[in-house]
């Protein structure tokens, strides 16, 4: 198994230049948590539905590849296999070891486990233990970082300054990475953001420590993706349904830039966003953007330059929500897919 050690931020910049001419290289990262019918529905998929996902991947010419292969190929501007998929799990729940692991082995599918090390160290109920983690590691499973205690990374402690807050997160990040390396010999410097939450300061800290960041807002990834906040498709609860998952499994990434705002943090319940769609095999007139399955108001500021303004009129509730943009792939029954994450910490 390859270990990715010490990637520094300048690599991200250099690789984008290398990759600029290979925009038709795409991958999809899936994220699961529990594979069980006895766990919280919002983060669970039943073993029966999980097997349906694996059957579908096997029977429909998908290439299920290791996460490190996908990320390294895209960073260096290489070409991924057609319909490339990487499977990931977050947290370290026992159902991953007892149920998902043997199922994935039977299909010969590689996967990645993002661990929160605190519950493993405490032998917390419903989590696997280090002996089980080591068995998975020895079988070729990539073991990566999900912090020590799965914190809300955006939440500051009482009286905590900006510098103290980032220093605390950095210490927890590196402590978890060291613990994983001590127990498994692996250190890939991949972080799955707990709850999918991050901001510009956290991304800067992550990049300074040579990490790649993975979020939980939906979308495919490509050579021009932001490797400090890569999207993944969560497939739990109502999203575990194979009929709705099929279009996500087969999606491609837009060549798009988020121009404004640069941070997903907002106090506004219907924030505007400006996107720039660069060269790609899609028709700008066929792009549609949505929230809660409803169309969003869109204005082309400069169609020739691909600059689009989205100005929602509806207020959105909760701590996290997303805008989604799609467009059909010409000549194929597939879609380009991009989502914008919003987080209101209040």
C-alpha atoms as a PDB file:
ATOM      1  CA  UNK A   1       0.000   0.000   0.000  1.00  0.00           C
ATOM      2  CA  UNK A   2       1.278   3.450  -0.905  1.00  0.00           C
ATOM      3  CA  UNK A   3       1.584   6.059   1.822  1.00  0.00           C
ATOM      4  CA  UNK A   4       1.326   9.746   0.963  1.00  0.00           C
ATOM      5  CA  UNK A   5       3.578  11.698   3.279  1.00  0.00           C
ATOM      6  CA  UNK A   6       4.159  15.404   3.691  1.00  0.00           C
ATOM      7  CA  UNK A   7       2.372  16.896   0.664  1.00  0.00           C
ATOM      8  CA  UNK A   8       2.957  20.634   0.890  1.00  0.00           C
ATOM      9  CA  UNK A   9       0.644  23.351  -0.426  1.00  0.00           C
ATOM     10  CA  UNK A  10       2.781  24.322  -3.433  1.00  0.00           C
ATOM     11  CA  UNK A  11       2.036  20.892  -4.924  1.00  0.00           C
ATOM     12  CA  UNK A  12      -1.620  21.829  -5.227  1.00  0.00           C
ATOM     13  CA  UNK A  13      -0.717  24.874  -7.326  1.00  0.00           C
ATOM     14  CA  UNK A  14       1.789  23.042  -9.503  1.00  0.00           C
ATOM     15  CA  UNK A  15      -0.519  20.154 -10.179  1.00  0.00           C
ATOM     16  CA  UNK A  16      -3.334  22.420 -11.305  1.00  0.00           C
ATOM     17  CA  UNK A  17      -1.042  23.775 -14.012  1.00  0.00           C
ATOM     18  CA  UNK A  18      -0.032  20.248 -15.050  1.00  0.00           C
ATOM     19  CA  UNK A  19      -3.622  19.078 -15.034  1.00  0.00           C
ATOM     20  CA  UNK A  20      -5.138  21.985 -16.930  1.00  0.00           C
ATOM     21  CA  UNK A  21      -5.277  20.118 -20.247  1.00  0.00           C
ATOM     22  CA  UNK A  22      -6.884  16.975 -18.817  1.00  0.00           C
ATOM     23  CA  UNK A  23     -10.232  18.262 -17.624  1.00  0.00           C
ATOM     24  CA  UNK A  24     -12.055  15.084 -18.637  1.00  0.00           C
ATOM     25  CA  UNK A  25     -10.626  13.045 -15.758  1.00  0.00           C
ATOM     26  CA  UNK A  26     -13.312  12.522 -13.116  1.00  0.00           C
ATOM     27  CA  UNK A  27     -13.913  10.527  -9.951  1.00  0.00           C
ATOM     28  CA  UNK A  28     -16.676  10.068  -7.394  1.00  0.00           C
ATOM     29  CA  UNK A  29     -16.039   9.584  -3.673  1.00  0.00           C
ATOM     30  CA  UNK A  30     -18.785   7.937  -1.605  1.00  0.00           C
ATOM     31  CA  UNK A  31     -19.135   8.264   2.164  1.00  0.00           C
ATOM     32  CA  UNK A  32     -20.957   5.884   4.509  1.00  0.00           C
ATOM     33  CA  UNK A  33     -21.117   5.701   8.311  1.00  0.00           C
ATOM     34  CA  UNK A  34     -23.208   2.831   9.738  1.00  0.00           C
ATOM     35  CA  UNK A  35     -24.164  -0.297   7.768  1.00  0.00           C
ATOM     36  CA  UNK A  36     -26.948  -1.415  10.057  1.00  0.00           C
ATOM     37  CA  UNK A  37     -30.680  -1.219  10.745  1.00  0.00           C
ATOM     38  CA  UNK A  38     -30.133  -0.560  14.482  1.00  0.00           C
ATOM     39  CA  UNK A  39     -28.294   2.767  14.254  1.00  0.00           C
ATOM     40  CA  UNK A  40     -29.414   6.383  13.672  1.00  0.00           C
ATOM     41  CA  UNK A  41     -31.283   6.490  10.334  1.00  0.00           C
ATOM     42  CA  UNK A  42     -29.710   9.809   9.313  1.00  0.00           C
ATOM     43  CA  UNK A  43     -26.262   8.192   9.023  1.00  0.00           C
ATOM     44  CA  UNK A  44     -27.203   4.589   8.282  1.00  0.00           C
ATOM     45  CA  UNK A  45     -27.677   2.304   5.316  1.00  0.00           C
ATOM     46  CA  UNK A  46     -29.096  -1.189   5.735  1.00  0.00           C
ATOM     47  CA  UNK A  47     -26.884  -4.170   4.832  1.00  0.00           C
ATOM     48  CA  UNK A  48     -29.441  -5.053   2.149  1.00  0.00           C
ATOM     49  CA  UNK A  49     -29.234  -1.611   0.515  1.00  0.00           C
ATOM     50  CA  UNK A  50     -25.445  -1.528   0.850  1.00  0.00           C
ATOM     51  CA  UNK A  51     -25.221  -4.833  -1.019  1.00  0.00           C
ATOM     52  CA  UNK A  52     -27.454  -3.371  -3.738  1.00  0.00           C
ATOM     53  CA  UNK A  53     -24.959  -0.516  -4.131  1.00  0.00           C
ATOM     54  CA  UNK A  54     -22.064  -2.946  -4.437  1.00  0.00           C
ATOM     55  CA  UNK A  55     -23.961  -5.140  -6.895  1.00  0.00           C
ATOM     56  CA  UNK A  56     -24.763  -2.108  -9.022  1.00  0.00           C
ATOM     57  CA  UNK A  57     -21.119  -0.994  -9.092  1.00  0.00           C
ATOM     58  CA  UNK A  58     -19.946  -4.483 -10.019  1.00  0.00           C
ATOM     59  CA  UNK A  59     -22.565  -5.043 -12.732  1.00  0.00           C
ATOM     60  CA  UNK A  60     -22.357  -1.643 -14.440  1.00  0.00           C
ATOM     61  CA  UNK A  61     -18.685  -1.247 -15.362  1.00  0.00           C
ATOM     62  CA  UNK A  62     -17.618   0.996 -12.488  1.00  0.00           C
ATOM     63  CA  UNK A  63     -13.944   1.035 -11.507  1.00  0.00           C
ATOM     64  CA  UNK A  64     -13.750   0.938  -7.700  1.00  0.00           C
ATOM     65  CA  UNK A  65     -10.231   2.138  -6.915  1.00  0.00           C
ATOM     66  CA  UNK A  66      -8.289   3.089  -3.751  1.00  0.00           C
ATOM     67  CA  UNK A  67      -8.709   6.672  -2.612  1.00  0.00           C
ATOM     68  CA  UNK A  68      -4.967   7.367  -2.775  1.00  0.00           C
ATOM     69  CA  UNK A  69      -4.869   6.262  -6.425  1.00  0.00           C
ATOM     70  CA  UNK A  70      -7.763   8.582  -7.265  1.00  0.00           C
ATOM     71  CA  UNK A  71      -6.273  11.605  -5.512  1.00  0.00           C
ATOM     72  CA  UNK A  72      -2.708  11.105  -6.758  1.00  0.00           C
ATOM     73  CA  UNK A  73      -3.908  10.633 -10.340  1.00  0.00           C
ATOM     74  CA  UNK A  74      -5.954  13.824 -10.320  1.00  0.00           C
ATOM     75  CA  UNK A  75      -3.244  15.868  -8.570  1.00  0.00           C
ATOM     76  CA  UNK A  76      -0.721  14.945 -11.241  1.00  0.00           C
ATOM     77  CA  UNK A  77      -3.127  15.523 -14.128  1.00  0.00           C
ATOM     78  CA  UNK A  78      -3.478  11.833 -14.971  1.00  0.00           C
ATOM     79  CA  UNK A  79      -6.440  10.015 -16.474  1.00  0.00           C
ATOM     80  CA  UNK A  80      -8.657   8.031 -14.136  1.00  0.00           C
ATOM     81  CA  UNK A  81     -10.494   4.927 -15.312  1.00  0.00           C
ATOM     82  CA  UNK A  82     -13.939   5.595 -16.701  1.00  0.00           C
ATOM     83  CA  UNK A  83     -16.598   5.748 -13.964  1.00  0.00           C
ATOM     84  CA  UNK A  84     -14.010   5.733 -11.149  1.00  0.00           C
ATOM     85  CA  UNK A  85     -15.369   5.311  -7.616  1.00  0.00           C
ATOM     86  CA  UNK A  86     -13.650   5.533  -4.210  1.00  0.00           C
ATOM     87  CA  UNK A  87     -15.548   4.192  -1.178  1.00  0.00           C
ATOM     88  CA  UNK A  88     -15.011   5.800   2.231  1.00  0.00           C
ATOM     89  CA  UNK A  89     -16.404   5.354   5.748  1.00  0.00           C
ATOM     90  CA  UNK A  90     -16.298   7.876   8.583  1.00  0.00           C
ATOM     91  CA  UNK A  91     -15.949   7.488  12.356  1.00  0.00           C
ATOM     92  CA  UNK A  92     -15.035   3.816  12.955  1.00  0.00           C
ATOM     93  CA  UNK A  93     -18.316   2.179  13.924  1.00  0.00           C
ATOM     94  CA  UNK A  94     -18.343  -1.562  14.603  1.00  0.00           C
ATOM     95  CA  UNK A  95     -20.794  -2.245  11.764  1.00  0.00           C
ATOM     96  CA  UNK A  96     -18.072  -1.179   9.326  1.00  0.00           C
ATOM     97  CA  UNK A  97     -15.871  -3.992  10.610  1.00  0.00           C
ATOM     98  CA  UNK A  98     -18.564  -6.610  11.214  1.00  0.00           C
ATOM     99  CA  UNK A  99     -20.742  -6.001   8.160  1.00  0.00           C
ATOM    100  CA  UNK A 100     -19.231  -3.708   5.521  1.00  0.00           C
ATOM    101  CA  UNK A 101     -15.652  -5.040   5.625  1.00  0.00           C
ATOM    102  CA  UNK A 102     -16.460  -8.686   4.775  1.00  0.00           C
ATOM    103  CA  UNK A 103     -18.942  -7.584   2.119  1.00  0.00           C
ATOM    104  CA  UNK A 104     -16.393  -5.328   0.436  1.00  0.00           C
ATOM    105  CA  UNK A 105     -13.774  -8.074   0.601  1.00  0.00           C
ATOM    106  CA  UNK A 106     -16.140 -10.470  -1.160  1.00  0.00           C
ATOM    107  CA  UNK A 107     -16.466  -7.984  -4.036  1.00  0.00           C
ATOM    108  CA  UNK A 108     -12.749  -7.196  -4.072  1.00  0.00           C
ATOM    109  CA  UNK A 109     -13.485  -3.492  -3.551  1.00  0.00           C
ATOM    110  CA  UNK A 110     -10.878  -1.294  -1.790  1.00  0.00           C
ATOM    111  CA  UNK A 111     -12.009   1.371   0.652  1.00  0.00           C
ATOM    112  CA  UNK A 112     -10.843   3.995   3.135  1.00  0.00           C
ATOM    113  CA  UNK A 113     -11.738   4.332   6.807  1.00  0.00           C
ATOM    114  CA  UNK A 114     -11.573   7.790   8.418  1.00  0.00           C
ATOM    115  CA  UNK A 115     -11.104   7.232  12.154  1.00  0.00           C
ATOM    116  CA  UNK A 116     -11.793   9.395  15.175  1.00  0.00           C
ATOM    117  CA  UNK A 117      -9.107   7.998  17.459  1.00  0.00           C
ATOM    118  CA  UNK A 118     -10.590   9.004  20.838  1.00  0.00           C
ATOM    119  CA  UNK A 119     -13.507   6.528  20.819  1.00  0.00           C
ATOM    120  CA  UNK A 120     -11.165   3.782  19.599  1.00  0.00           C
ATOM    121  CA  UNK A 121      -8.703   4.469  22.424  1.00  0.00           C
ATOM    122  CA  UNK A 122     -11.528   4.408  24.975  1.00  0.00           C
ATOM    123  CA  UNK A 123     -13.004   1.224  23.479  1.00  0.00           C
ATOM    124  CA  UNK A 124     -16.248   3.126  23.275  1.00  0.00           C
ATOM    125  CA  UNK A 125     -19.366   1.071  22.729  1.00  0.00           C
ATOM    126  CA  UNK A 126     -20.463   0.710  19.089  1.00  0.00           C
ATOM    127  CA  UNK A 127     -16.938   1.484  17.828  1.00  0.00           C
ATOM    128  CA  UNK A 128     -14.333  -1.001  16.633  1.00  0.00           C
ATOM    129  CA  UNK A 129     -11.067  -1.457  18.564  1.00  0.00           C
ATOM    130  CA  UNK A 130      -7.446  -1.086  17.459  1.00  0.00           C
ATOM    131  CA  UNK A 131      -7.039  -4.836  16.947  1.00  0.00           C
ATOM    132  CA  UNK A 132      -9.870  -4.741  14.418  1.00  0.00           C
ATOM    133  CA  UNK A 133      -8.486  -1.588  12.802  1.00  0.00           C
ATOM    134  CA  UNK A 134      -5.109  -3.322  12.397  1.00  0.00           C
ATOM    135  CA  UNK A 135      -6.753  -6.330  10.728  1.00  0.00           C
ATOM    136  CA  UNK A 136      -8.378  -4.006   8.240  1.00  0.00           C
ATOM    137  CA  UNK A 137      -5.108  -2.160   7.667  1.00  0.00           C
ATOM    138  CA  UNK A 138      -3.257  -5.428   7.072  1.00  0.00           C
ATOM    139  CA  UNK A 139      -5.941  -6.371   4.529  1.00  0.00           C
ATOM    140  CA  UNK A 140      -5.182  -3.220   2.525  1.00  0.00           C
ATOM    141  CA  UNK A 141      -7.764  -0.787   3.907  1.00  0.00           C
ATOM    142  CA  UNK A 142      -6.555   2.828   3.918  1.00  0.00           C
ATOM    143  CA  UNK A 143      -6.793   4.250   7.456  1.00  0.00           C
ATOM    144  CA  UNK A 144      -7.033   8.047   7.599  1.00  0.00           C
ATOM    145  CA  UNK A 145      -7.792  10.972   9.896  1.00  0.00           C
ATOM    146  CA  UNK A 146     -11.140  12.131  11.337  1.00  0.00           C
ATOM    147  CA  UNK A 147      -9.656  14.053  14.299  1.00  0.00           C
ATOM    148  CA  UNK A 148      -9.456  12.702  17.865  1.00  0.00           C
ATOM    149  CA  UNK A 149     -12.925  13.545  19.188  1.00  0.00           C
ATOM    150  CA  UNK A 150     -14.932  14.352  16.037  1.00  0.00           C
ATOM    151  CA  UNK A 151     -15.301  18.036  17.003  1.00  0.00           C
ATOM    152  CA  UNK A 152     -17.372  20.782  15.469  1.00  0.00           C
ATOM    153  CA  UNK A 153     -14.236  22.377  14.078  1.00  0.00           C
ATOM    154  CA  UNK A 154     -15.908  25.778  13.653  1.00  0.00           C
ATOM    155  CA  UNK A 155     -16.859  26.081  17.329  1.00  0.00           C
ATOM    156  CA  UNK A 156     -14.455  28.053  19.513  1.00  0.00           C
ATOM    157  CA  UNK A 157     -14.054  27.378  23.213  1.00  0.00           C
ATOM    158  CA  UNK A 158     -15.057  29.976  25.846  1.00  0.00           C
ATOM    159  CA  UNK A 159     -12.684  32.925  25.635  1.00  0.00           C
ATOM    160  CA  UNK A 160     -10.612  31.216  22.944  1.00  0.00           C
ATOM    161  CA  UNK A 161      -8.789  33.540  20.542  1.00  0.00           C
ATOM    162  CA  UNK A 162      -8.536  32.857  16.808  1.00  0.00           C
ATOM    163  CA  UNK A 163      -4.913  31.773  17.220  1.00  0.00           C
ATOM    164  CA  UNK A 164      -5.720  29.489  20.172  1.00  0.00           C
ATOM    165  CA  UNK A 165      -8.633  27.923  18.289  1.00  0.00           C
ATOM    166  CA  UNK A 166      -6.560  27.075  15.211  1.00  0.00           C
ATOM    167  CA  UNK A 167      -3.686  25.854  17.394  1.00  0.00           C
ATOM    168  CA  UNK A 168      -6.066  23.538  19.272  1.00  0.00           C
ATOM    169  CA  UNK A 169      -7.430  22.099  16.028  1.00  0.00           C
ATOM    170  CA  UNK A 170      -3.949  21.664  14.620  1.00  0.00           C
ATOM    171  CA  UNK A 171      -2.823  19.823  17.748  1.00  0.00           C
ATOM    172  CA  UNK A 172      -5.831  17.478  17.592  1.00  0.00           C
ATOM    173  CA  UNK A 173      -5.285  16.864  13.877  1.00  0.00           C
ATOM    174  CA  UNK A 174      -1.612  15.935  14.331  1.00  0.00           C
ATOM    175  CA  UNK A 175      -2.315  13.902  17.481  1.00  0.00           C
ATOM    176  CA  UNK A 176      -4.834  11.771  15.588  1.00  0.00           C
ATOM    177  CA  UNK A 177      -2.454  11.359  12.649  1.00  0.00           C
ATOM    178  CA  UNK A 178       0.368  10.247  14.949  1.00  0.00           C
ATOM    179  CA  UNK A 179      -1.909   7.779  16.746  1.00  0.00           C
ATOM    180  CA  UNK A 180      -3.060   6.216  13.472  1.00  0.00           C
ATOM    181  CA  UNK A 181       0.530   5.904  12.273  1.00  0.00           C
ATOM    182  CA  UNK A 182       1.591   4.377  15.606  1.00  0.00           C
ATOM    183  CA  UNK A 183      -1.133   1.736  15.421  1.00  0.00           C
ATOM    184  CA  UNK A 184      -1.186   0.971  11.679  1.00  0.00           C
ATOM    185  CA  UNK A 185       1.995   2.346  10.116  1.00  0.00           C
ATOM    186  CA  UNK A 186      -0.140   4.493   7.804  1.00  0.00           C
ATOM    187  CA  UNK A 187       0.044   8.270   7.430  1.00  0.00           C
ATOM    188  CA  UNK A 188      -1.666   9.562   4.300  1.00  0.00           C
ATOM    189  CA  UNK A 189      -2.435  13.049   5.624  1.00  0.00           C
ATOM    190  CA  UNK A 190      -6.052  12.910   4.499  1.00  0.00           C
ATOM    191  CA  UNK A 191      -8.630  14.543   6.788  1.00  0.00           C
ATOM    192  CA  UNK A 192     -12.375  13.969   6.526  1.00  0.00           C
ATOM    193  CA  UNK A 193     -13.833  17.082   8.170  1.00  0.00           C
ATOM    194  CA  UNK A 194     -16.166  16.045  11.028  1.00  0.00           C
ATOM    195  CA  UNK A 195     -19.738  16.961  10.029  1.00  0.00           C
ATOM    196  CA  UNK A 196     -18.230  18.226   6.765  1.00  0.00           C
ATOM    197  CA  UNK A 197     -17.548  21.611   8.378  1.00  0.00           C
ATOM    198  CA  UNK A 198     -14.608  23.910   7.591  1.00  0.00           C
ATOM    199  CA  UNK A 199     -13.746  27.488   6.717  1.00  0.00           C
ATOM    200  CA  UNK A 200     -10.875  29.331   5.027  1.00  0.00           C
ATOM    201  CA  UNK A 201      -8.726  29.419   8.194  1.00  0.00           C
ATOM    202  CA  UNK A 202      -9.095  25.679   8.758  1.00  0.00           C
ATOM    203  CA  UNK A 203      -8.237  24.966   5.122  1.00  0.00           C
ATOM    204  CA  UNK A 204      -5.132  27.133   5.406  1.00  0.00           C
ATOM    205  CA  UNK A 205      -4.014  25.238   8.515  1.00  0.00           C
ATOM    206  CA  UNK A 206      -4.685  21.930   6.799  1.00  0.00           C
ATOM    207  CA  UNK A 207      -2.690  22.883   3.724  1.00  0.00           C
ATOM    208  CA  UNK A 208       0.202  24.165   5.828  1.00  0.00           C
ATOM    209  CA  UNK A 209       0.454  20.711   7.382  1.00  0.00           C
ATOM    210  CA  UNK A 210       0.392  18.927   4.019  1.00  0.00           C
ATOM    211  CA  UNK A 211      -3.119  17.487   4.292  1.00  0.00           C
ATOM    212  CA  UNK A 212      -5.855  16.915   1.762  1.00  0.00           C
ATOM    213  CA  UNK A 213      -9.353  17.763   3.061  1.00  0.00           C
ATOM    214  CA  UNK A 214     -12.544  15.850   2.299  1.00  0.00           C
ATOM    215  CA  UNK A 215     -15.987  17.298   2.983  1.00  0.00           C
ATOM    216  CA  UNK A 216     -19.545  15.926   2.854  1.00  0.00           C
ATOM    217  CA  UNK A 217     -21.225  18.177   0.306  1.00  0.00           C
ATOM    218  CA  UNK A 218     -22.152  16.220  -2.795  1.00  0.00           C
ATOM    219  CA  UNK A 219     -20.299  16.278  -6.100  1.00  0.00           C
ATOM    220  CA  UNK A 220     -17.740  14.588  -8.308  1.00  0.00           C
ATOM    221  CA  UNK A 221     -14.063  15.571  -8.323  1.00  0.00           C
ATOM    222  CA  UNK A 222     -11.643  16.393 -11.133  1.00  0.00           C
ATOM    223  CA  UNK A 223      -8.215  17.807 -11.825  1.00  0.00           C
ATOM    224  CA  UNK A 224      -9.373  21.352 -11.010  1.00  0.00           C
ATOM    225  CA  UNK A 225     -11.096  20.497  -7.727  1.00  0.00           C
ATOM    226  CA  UNK A 226     -10.103  22.138  -4.448  1.00  0.00           C
ATOM    227  CA  UNK A 227      -8.000  19.470  -2.728  1.00  0.00           C
ATOM    228  CA  UNK A 228      -8.574  21.140   0.630  1.00  0.00           C
ATOM    229  CA  UNK A 229     -12.351  20.610   0.419  1.00  0.00           C
ATOM    230  CA  UNK A 230     -13.134  17.702  -1.885  1.00  0.00           C
ATOM    231  CA  UNK A 231     -16.813  16.758  -2.131  1.00  0.00           C
ATOM    232  CA  UNK A 232     -18.164  13.306  -1.333  1.00  0.00           C
ATOM    233  CA  UNK A 233     -21.608  11.847  -1.869  1.00  0.00           C
ATOM    234  CA  UNK A 234     -23.216  10.807   1.465  1.00  0.00           C
ATOM    235  CA  UNK A 235     -25.363   7.716   0.867  1.00  0.00           C
ATOM    236  CA  UNK A 236     -27.456   7.244   4.002  1.00  0.00           C
ATOM    237  CA  UNK A 237     -31.074   7.658   5.046  1.00  0.00           C
ATOM    238  CA  UNK A 238     -33.233   8.671   2.057  1.00  0.00           C
ATOM    239  CA  UNK A 239     -30.067   9.054  -0.047  1.00  0.00           C
ATOM    240  CA  UNK A 240     -29.289   5.348   0.345  1.00  0.00           C
ATOM    241  CA  UNK A 241     -32.006   4.540  -2.191  1.00  0.00           C
ATOM    242  CA  UNK A 242     -30.265   3.060  -5.226  1.00  0.00           C
ATOM    243  CA  UNK A 243     -32.668   4.640  -7.700  1.00  0.00           C
ATOM    244  CA  UNK A 244     -31.633   8.138  -6.601  1.00  0.00           C
ATOM    245  CA  UNK A 245     -27.997   7.157  -5.995  1.00  0.00           C
ATOM    246  CA  UNK A 246     -27.418   5.935  -9.557  1.00  0.00           C
ATOM    247  CA  UNK A 247     -27.180   9.415 -11.045  1.00  0.00           C
ATOM    248  CA  UNK A 248     -24.638  10.422  -8.365  1.00  0.00           C
ATOM    249  CA  UNK A 249     -22.469   7.341  -8.892  1.00  0.00           C
ATOM    250  CA  UNK A 250     -22.254   8.190 -12.599  1.00  0.00           C
ATOM    251  CA  UNK A 251     -21.638  11.944 -12.274  1.00  0.00           C
ATOM    252  CA  UNK A 252     -18.767  14.092 -13.546  1.00  0.00           C
ATOM    253  CA  UNK A 253     -17.175  17.234 -12.126  1.00  0.00           C
ATOM    254  CA  UNK A 254     -17.677  20.728 -13.502  1.00  0.00           C
ATOM    255  CA  UNK A 255     -14.598  22.828 -14.255  1.00  0.00           C
ATOM    256  CA  UNK A 256     -15.901  25.592 -12.000  1.00  0.00           C
ATOM    257  CA  UNK A 257     -14.531  28.244  -9.651  1.00  0.00           C
ATOM    258  CA  UNK A 258     -16.317  29.601  -6.589  1.00  0.00           C
ATOM    259  CA  UNK A 259     -15.662  33.349  -6.997  1.00  0.00           C
ATOM    260  CA  UNK A 260     -17.746  34.777  -4.140  1.00  0.00           C
ATOM    261  CA  UNK A 261     -17.919  34.142  -1.237  1.00  0.00           C
ATOM    262  CA  UNK A 262     -14.740  32.213  -0.478  1.00  0.00           C
ATOM    263  CA  UNK A 263     -16.025  30.781   2.803  1.00  0.00           C
ATOM    264  CA  UNK A 264     -19.045  28.526   3.419  1.00  0.00           C
ATOM    265  CA  UNK A 265     -19.749  30.348   6.714  1.00  0.00           C
ATOM    266  CA  UNK A 266     -22.745  32.652   6.578  1.00  0.00           C
ATOM    267  CA  UNK A 267     -25.174  34.509   8.863  1.00  0.00           C
ATOM    268  CA  UNK A 268     -27.586  34.918   5.939  1.00  0.00           C
ATOM    269  CA  UNK A 269     -30.326  32.362   5.367  1.00  0.00           C
ATOM    270  CA  UNK A 270     -30.277  32.778   1.560  1.00  0.00           C
ATOM    271  CA  UNK A 271     -26.727  33.816   0.604  1.00  0.00           C
ATOM    272  CA  UNK A 272     -25.907  34.735  -2.986  1.00  0.00           C
ATOM    273  CA  UNK A 273     -23.028  33.060  -4.772  1.00  0.00           C
ATOM    274  CA  UNK A 274     -21.026  33.803  -7.929  1.00  0.00           C
ATOM    275  CA  UNK A 275     -19.584  30.915  -9.946  1.00  0.00           C
ATOM    276  CA  UNK A 276     -17.299  30.850 -12.979  1.00  0.00           C
ATOM    277  CA  UNK A 277     -17.776  27.879 -15.278  1.00  0.00           C
ATOM    278  CA  UNK A 278     -14.564  27.350 -17.247  1.00  0.00           C
ATOM    279  CA  UNK A 279     -13.992  25.264 -20.375  1.00  0.00           C
ATOM    280  CA  UNK A 280     -15.683  21.883 -20.278  1.00  0.00           C
ATOM    281  CA  UNK A 281     -17.854  19.492 -22.253  1.00  0.00           C
ATOM    282  CA  UNK A 282     -21.115  21.064 -21.093  1.00  0.00           C
ATOM    283  CA  UNK A 283     -23.582  23.604 -22.448  1.00  0.00           C
ATOM    284  CA  UNK A 284     -23.939  26.662 -20.212  1.00  0.00           C
ATOM    285  CA  UNK A 285     -27.568  27.060 -21.261  1.00  0.00           C
ATOM    286  CA  UNK A 286     -28.335  23.622 -19.781  1.00  0.00           C
ATOM    287  CA  UNK A 287     -26.976  24.360 -16.302  1.00  0.00           C
ATOM    288  CA  UNK A 288     -29.616  24.328 -13.601  1.00  0.00           C
ATOM    289  CA  UNK A 289     -29.131  25.114  -9.915  1.00  0.00           C
ATOM    290  CA  UNK A 290     -31.356  23.929  -7.086  1.00  0.00           C
ATOM    291  CA  UNK A 291     -31.913  23.904  -3.322  1.00  0.00           C
ATOM    292  CA  UNK A 292     -34.350  21.568  -1.592  1.00  0.00           C
ATOM    293  CA  UNK A 293     -35.193  20.228  -5.083  1.00  0.00           C
ATOM    294  CA  UNK A 294     -36.487  23.660  -6.149  1.00  0.00           C
ATOM    295  CA  UNK A 295     -34.894  25.788  -8.924  1.00  0.00           C
ATOM    296  CA  UNK A 296     -32.768  28.716  -7.785  1.00  0.00           C
ATOM    297  CA  UNK A 297     -32.926  32.159  -9.460  1.00  0.00           C
ATOM    298  CA  UNK A 298     -29.938  32.408 -11.819  1.00  0.00           C
ATOM    299  CA  UNK A 299     -28.478  35.381 -13.707  1.00  0.00           C
ATOM    300  CA  UNK A 300     -25.637  35.122 -16.228  1.00  0.00           C
ATOM    301  CA  UNK A 301     -23.396  38.083 -15.423  1.00  0.00           C
ATOM    302  CA  UNK A 302     -21.138  37.246 -18.389  1.00  0.00           C
ATOM    303  CA  UNK A 303     -22.170  34.171 -20.384  1.00  0.00           C
ATOM    304  CA  UNK A 304     -19.087  34.381 -22.616  1.00  0.00           C
ATOM    305  CA  UNK A 305     -16.889  34.123 -19.516  1.00  0.00           C
ATOM    306  CA  UNK A 306     -19.210  31.606 -17.824  1.00  0.00           C
ATOM    307  CA  UNK A 307     -19.913  33.853 -14.811  1.00  0.00           C
ATOM    308  CA  UNK A 308     -23.177  32.984 -13.065  1.00  0.00           C
ATOM    309  CA  UNK A 309     -24.893  34.716 -10.127  1.00  0.00           C
ATOM    310  CA  UNK A 310     -27.284  32.720  -7.932  1.00  0.00           C
ATOM    311  CA  UNK A 311     -29.604  34.862  -5.782  1.00  0.00           C
ATOM    312  CA  UNK A 312     -32.042  32.738  -3.754  1.00  0.00           C
ATOM    313  CA  UNK A 313     -35.218  34.283  -2.402  1.00  0.00           C
ATOM    314  CA  UNK A 314     -36.154  31.482  -0.001  1.00  0.00           C
ATOM    315  CA  UNK A 315     -34.706  31.295   3.520  1.00  0.00           C
ATOM    316  CA  UNK A 316     -33.032  27.994   4.412  1.00  0.00           C
ATOM    317  CA  UNK A 317     -33.081  26.516   7.896  1.00  0.00           C
ATOM    318  CA  UNK A 318     -30.689  24.437   9.976  1.00  0.00           C
ATOM    319  CA  UNK A 319     -26.967  24.610  10.573  1.00  0.00           C
ATOM    320  CA  UNK A 320     -25.998  23.271   7.112  1.00  0.00           C
ATOM    321  CA  UNK A 321     -27.575  23.390   3.655  1.00  0.00           C
ATOM    322  CA  UNK A 322     -26.430  23.283   0.022  1.00  0.00           C
ATOM    323  CA  UNK A 323     -27.021  24.651  -3.429  1.00  0.00           C
ATOM    324  CA  UNK A 324     -26.634  22.154  -6.257  1.00  0.00           C
ATOM    325  CA  UNK A 325     -25.814  22.783  -9.929  1.00  0.00           C
ATOM    326  CA  UNK A 326     -26.067  20.146 -12.658  1.00  0.00           C
ATOM    327  CA  UNK A 327     -25.899  19.896 -16.446  1.00  0.00           C
ATOM    328  CA  UNK A 328     -26.257  16.915 -18.796  1.00  0.00           C
ATOM    329  CA  UNK A 329     -23.154  15.333 -20.326  1.00  0.00           C
ATOM    330  CA  UNK A 330     -23.634  15.617 -24.111  1.00  0.00           C
ATOM    331  CA  UNK A 331     -24.380  12.269 -25.735  1.00  0.00           C
ATOM    332  CA  UNK A 332     -24.499  10.392 -22.419  1.00  0.00           C
ATOM    333  CA  UNK A 333     -27.078   9.636 -19.746  1.00  0.00           C
ATOM    334  CA  UNK A 334     -24.874  11.318 -17.137  1.00  0.00           C
ATOM    335  CA  UNK A 335     -24.675  14.675 -15.380  1.00  0.00           C
ATOM    336  CA  UNK A 336     -22.060  17.140 -14.264  1.00  0.00           C
ATOM    337  CA  UNK A 337     -22.578  17.837 -10.554  1.00  0.00           C
ATOM    338  CA  UNK A 338     -21.363  20.597  -8.228  1.00  0.00           C
ATOM    339  CA  UNK A 339     -22.637  21.732  -4.829  1.00  0.00           C
ATOM    340  CA  UNK A 340     -21.976  24.727  -2.601  1.00  0.00           C
ATOM    341  CA  UNK A 341     -21.914  24.124   1.154  1.00  0.00           C
ATOM    342  CA  UNK A 342     -23.356  26.683   3.598  1.00  0.00           C
ATOM    343  CA  UNK A 343     -22.913  26.630   7.371  1.00  0.00           C
ATOM    344  CA  UNK A 344     -24.607  28.917   9.876  1.00  0.00           C
ATOM    345  CA  UNK A 345     -22.864  28.324  13.195  1.00  0.00           C
ATOM    346  CA  UNK A 346     -25.507  30.310  15.061  1.00  0.00           C
END
